[in-house]
C-alpha atoms as a PDB file:
ATOM      1  CA  MET A   1     -13.798 -18.523  42.164  1.00  0.00           C
ATOM      2  CA  LYS A   2     -12.976 -22.312  42.715  1.00  0.00           C
ATOM      3  CA  GLN A   3     -13.887 -23.176  39.165  1.00  0.00           C
ATOM      4  CA  HIS A   4     -11.440 -20.516  37.770  1.00  0.00           C
ATOM      5  CA  TRP A   5      -8.798 -22.510  39.555  1.00  0.00           C
ATOM      6  CA  ILE A   6     -10.034 -25.966  38.319  1.00  0.00           C
ATOM      7  CA  PHE A   7     -10.275 -24.461  34.775  1.00  0.00           C
ATOM      8  CA  LYS A   8      -6.631 -23.191  35.110  1.00  0.00           C
ATOM      9  CA  GLY A   9      -5.487 -26.562  36.587  1.00  0.00           C
ATOM     10  CA  VAL A  10      -6.941 -28.495  33.647  1.00  0.00           C
ATOM     11  CA  LYS A  11      -5.495 -26.239  31.263  1.00  0.00           C
ATOM     12  CA  ILE A  12      -1.934 -26.855  32.635  1.00  0.00           C
ATOM     13  CA  VAL A  13      -2.309 -30.602  32.568  1.00  0.00           C
ATOM     14  CA  LEU A  14      -3.407 -30.536  28.939  1.00  0.00           C
ATOM     15  CA  PHE A  15      -0.282 -28.235  28.193  1.00  0.00           C
ATOM     16  CA  VAL A  16       1.929 -30.459  29.873  1.00  0.00           C
ATOM     17  CA  LEU A  17       0.500 -33.473  28.222  1.00  0.00           C
ATOM     18  CA  LEU A  18       0.642 -31.799  24.955  1.00  0.00           C
ATOM     19  CA  ALA A  19       4.339 -30.772  25.402  1.00  0.00           C
ATOM     20  CA  ALA A  20       5.322 -34.041  26.618  1.00  0.00           C
ATOM     21  CA  THR A  21       3.779 -35.772  23.359  1.00  0.00           C
ATOM     22  CA  VAL A  22       5.498 -33.341  21.034  1.00  0.00           C
ATOM     23  CA  LEU A  23       8.814 -33.716  22.829  1.00  0.00           C
ATOM     24  CA  SER A  24       8.414 -37.462  22.795  1.00  0.00           C
ATOM     25  CA  PHE A  25       7.674 -37.570  18.950  1.00  0.00           C
ATOM     26  CA  VAL A  26      10.723 -35.197  18.395  1.00  0.00           C
ATOM     27  CA  VAL A  27      12.844 -37.445  20.185  1.00  0.00           C
ATOM     28  CA  MET A  28      11.667 -40.464  18.775  1.00  0.00           C
ATOM     29  CA  ASN A  29      12.099 -39.217  15.136  1.00  0.00           C
ATOM     30  CA  LEU A  30      15.559 -37.869  15.780  1.00  0.00           C
ATOM     31  CA  TRP A  31      16.956 -41.124  17.568  1.00  0.00           C
ATOM     32  CA  ASN A  32      15.184 -43.190  14.668  1.00  0.00           C
ATOM     33  CA  TRP A  33      16.822 -40.955  12.035  1.00  0.00           C
ATOM     34  CA  LEU A  34      20.379 -40.567  13.620  1.00  0.00           C
ATOM     35  CA  ALA A  35      21.012 -43.562  16.307  1.00  0.00           C
ATOM     36  CA  PRO A  36      20.648 -46.385  14.028  1.00  0.00           C
ATOM     37  CA  ALA A  37      22.632 -45.017  11.018  1.00  0.00           C
ATOM     38  CA  LEU A  38      25.540 -43.585  13.239  1.00  0.00           C
ATOM     39  CA  PHE A  39      25.876 -46.205  16.136  1.00  0.00           C
ATOM     40  CA  GLY A  40      23.903 -49.313  14.696  1.00  0.00           C
ATOM     41  CA  LEU A  41      21.288 -48.842  17.628  1.00  0.00           C
ATOM     42  CA  HIS A  42      17.796 -50.097  17.301  1.00  0.00           C
ATOM     43  CA  PRO A  43      14.887 -47.798  16.588  1.00  0.00           C
ATOM     44  CA  ILE A  44      12.580 -46.682  19.530  1.00  0.00           C
ATOM     45  CA  SER A  45       9.173 -46.402  20.175  1.00  0.00           C
ATOM     46  CA  PHE A  46       7.215 -43.344  21.463  1.00  0.00           C
ATOM     47  CA  TRP A  47       7.136 -44.750  24.929  1.00  0.00           C
ATOM     48  CA  GLN A  48      10.771 -45.295  24.945  1.00  0.00           C
ATOM     49  CA  ALA A  49      11.220 -41.782  23.792  1.00  0.00           C
ATOM     50  CA  LEU A  50       8.943 -40.539  26.576  1.00  0.00           C
ATOM     51  CA  GLY A  51      10.947 -42.828  29.049  1.00  0.00           C
ATOM     52  CA  LEU A  52      14.221 -41.202  27.768  1.00  0.00           C
ATOM     53  CA  LEU A  53      12.916 -37.902  28.298  1.00  0.00           C
ATOM     54  CA  VAL A  54      11.856 -38.586  31.767  1.00  0.00           C
ATOM     55  CA  LEU A  55      15.345 -40.415  32.585  1.00  0.00           C
ATOM     56  CA  THR A  56      17.228 -37.178  31.306  1.00  0.00           C
ATOM     57  CA  LYS A  57      15.044 -35.074  33.506  1.00  0.00           C
ATOM     58  CA  ILE A  58      15.979 -37.029  36.420  1.00  0.00           C
ATOM     59  CA  LEU A  59      19.559 -37.399  35.722  1.00  0.00           C
ATOM     60  CA  PHE A  60      20.248 -33.704  34.441  1.00  0.00           C
ATOM     61  CA  GLY A  61      17.330 -31.521  35.443  1.00  0.00           C
ATOM     62  CA  GLY A  62      16.147 -32.791  38.936  1.00  0.00           C
ATOM     63  CA  PHE A  63      12.640 -32.079  40.274  1.00  0.00           C
ATOM     64  CA  ARG A  64      13.312 -28.660  41.690  1.00  0.00           C
ATOM     65  CA  GLY A  65      10.935 -27.018  39.342  1.00  0.00           C
ATOM     66  CA  GLY A  66      12.443 -23.560  39.546  1.00  0.00           C
ATOM     67  CA  ARG A  67      11.743 -23.050  43.325  1.00  0.00           C
ATOM     68  CA  GLY A  68      14.375 -21.331  45.484  1.00  0.00           C
ATOM     69  CA  PRO A  69      16.893 -19.049  44.572  1.00  0.00           C
ATOM     70  CA  SER A  70      19.653 -20.125  41.991  1.00  0.00           C
ATOM     71  CA  TRP A  71      23.414 -20.342  42.631  1.00  0.00           C
ATOM     72  CA  ARG A  72      23.686 -16.919  41.257  1.00  0.00           C
ATOM     73  CA  GLY A  73      21.180 -15.443  43.649  1.00  0.00           C
ATOM     74  CA  ARG A  74      22.657 -17.147  46.539  1.00  0.00           C
ATOM     75  CA  MET A  75      26.187 -15.971  45.473  1.00  0.00           C
ATOM     76  CA  SER A  76      24.842 -12.386  45.271  1.00  0.00           C
ATOM     77  CA  GLU A  77      23.460 -12.594  48.683  1.00  0.00           C
ATOM     78  CA  ARG A  78      26.622 -13.951  50.046  1.00  0.00           C
ATOM     79  CA  TRP A  79      28.580 -11.196  48.236  1.00  0.00           C
ATOM     80  CA  GLU A  80      26.502  -8.475  49.537  1.00  0.00           C
ATOM     81  CA  ARG A  81      27.180  -9.604  53.033  1.00  0.00           C
ATOM     82  CA  MET A  82      30.943  -9.675  52.690  1.00  0.00           C
ATOM     83  CA  THR A  83      33.133  -6.866  54.048  1.00  0.00           C
ATOM     84  CA  PRO A  84      35.519  -5.225  51.440  1.00  0.00           C
ATOM     85  CA  GLU A  85      38.423  -7.189  52.995  1.00  0.00           C
ATOM     86  CA  GLU A  86      36.489 -10.763  52.562  1.00  0.00           C
ATOM     87  CA  ARG A  87      35.806  -9.565  48.878  1.00  0.00           C
ATOM     88  CA  GLU A  88      39.298  -8.853  48.175  1.00  0.00           C
ATOM     89  CA  ARG A  89      40.311 -12.193  49.787  1.00  0.00           C
ATOM     90  CA  PHE A  90      37.948 -13.934  47.807  1.00  0.00           C
ATOM     91  CA  ARG A  91      39.133 -12.299  44.541  1.00  0.00           C
ATOM     92  CA  ALA A  92      42.563 -13.253  45.413  1.00  0.00           C
ATOM     93  CA  GLY A  93      41.694 -16.876  46.068  1.00  0.00           C
ATOM     94  CA  MET A  94      39.746 -17.201  42.690  1.00  0.00           C
ATOM     95  CA  LYS A  95      42.764 -15.442  41.034  1.00  0.00           C
ATOM     96  CA  ALA A  96      45.104 -17.935  42.332  1.00  0.00           C
ATOM     97  CA  ARG A  97      42.919 -20.912  41.362  1.00  0.00           C
ATOM     98  CA  CYS A  98      41.393 -19.588  38.078  1.00  0.00           C
ATOM     99  CA  GLY A  99      43.996 -16.968  36.929  1.00  0.00           C
ATOM    100  CA  PRO A 100      42.962 -13.294  36.118  1.00  0.00           C
ATOM    101  CA  PHE A 101      39.338 -12.495  35.017  1.00  0.00           C
ATOM    102  CA  GLY A 102      36.999  -9.609  34.642  1.00  0.00           C
ATOM    103  CA  SER A 103      37.466  -6.288  32.796  1.00  0.00           C
ATOM    104  CA  ARG A 104      41.109  -6.042  33.691  1.00  0.00           C
ATOM    105  CA  ALA A 105      42.022  -9.512  32.318  1.00  0.00           C
ATOM    106  CA  ALA A 106      40.383  -8.762  29.072  1.00  0.00           C
ATOM    107  CA  ALA A 107      42.157  -5.634  28.647  1.00  0.00           C
ATOM    108  CA  PRO A 108      45.058  -5.868  25.826  1.00  0.00           C
ATOM    109  CA  LYS A 109      48.706  -5.963  27.366  1.00  0.00           C
ATOM    110  CA  ALA A 110      50.991  -3.061  26.160  1.00  0.00           C
END
């Protein structure tokens, strides 16, 4: 049974390496095709493209890896715990901040 998990782990590592390689080549080729012509920037190497992918993951993606509930899940749980009065107060507050929304807002005015 332990060998099964080792084999599965090796497959995952190989898949991640292959995906990183392919994505790095895509980023490198797109950059070298567009950035020098549009912005006068220098072409980049494979390793710079890989570094750019890692940097964007850090800045925009974080390292959560999909663990834990999303904001929608947390909001859904919070909504379920609200009383009808709290829900109406929430709707009124959102309407005051953002304007009308939902199916009633999408209906054409007569």
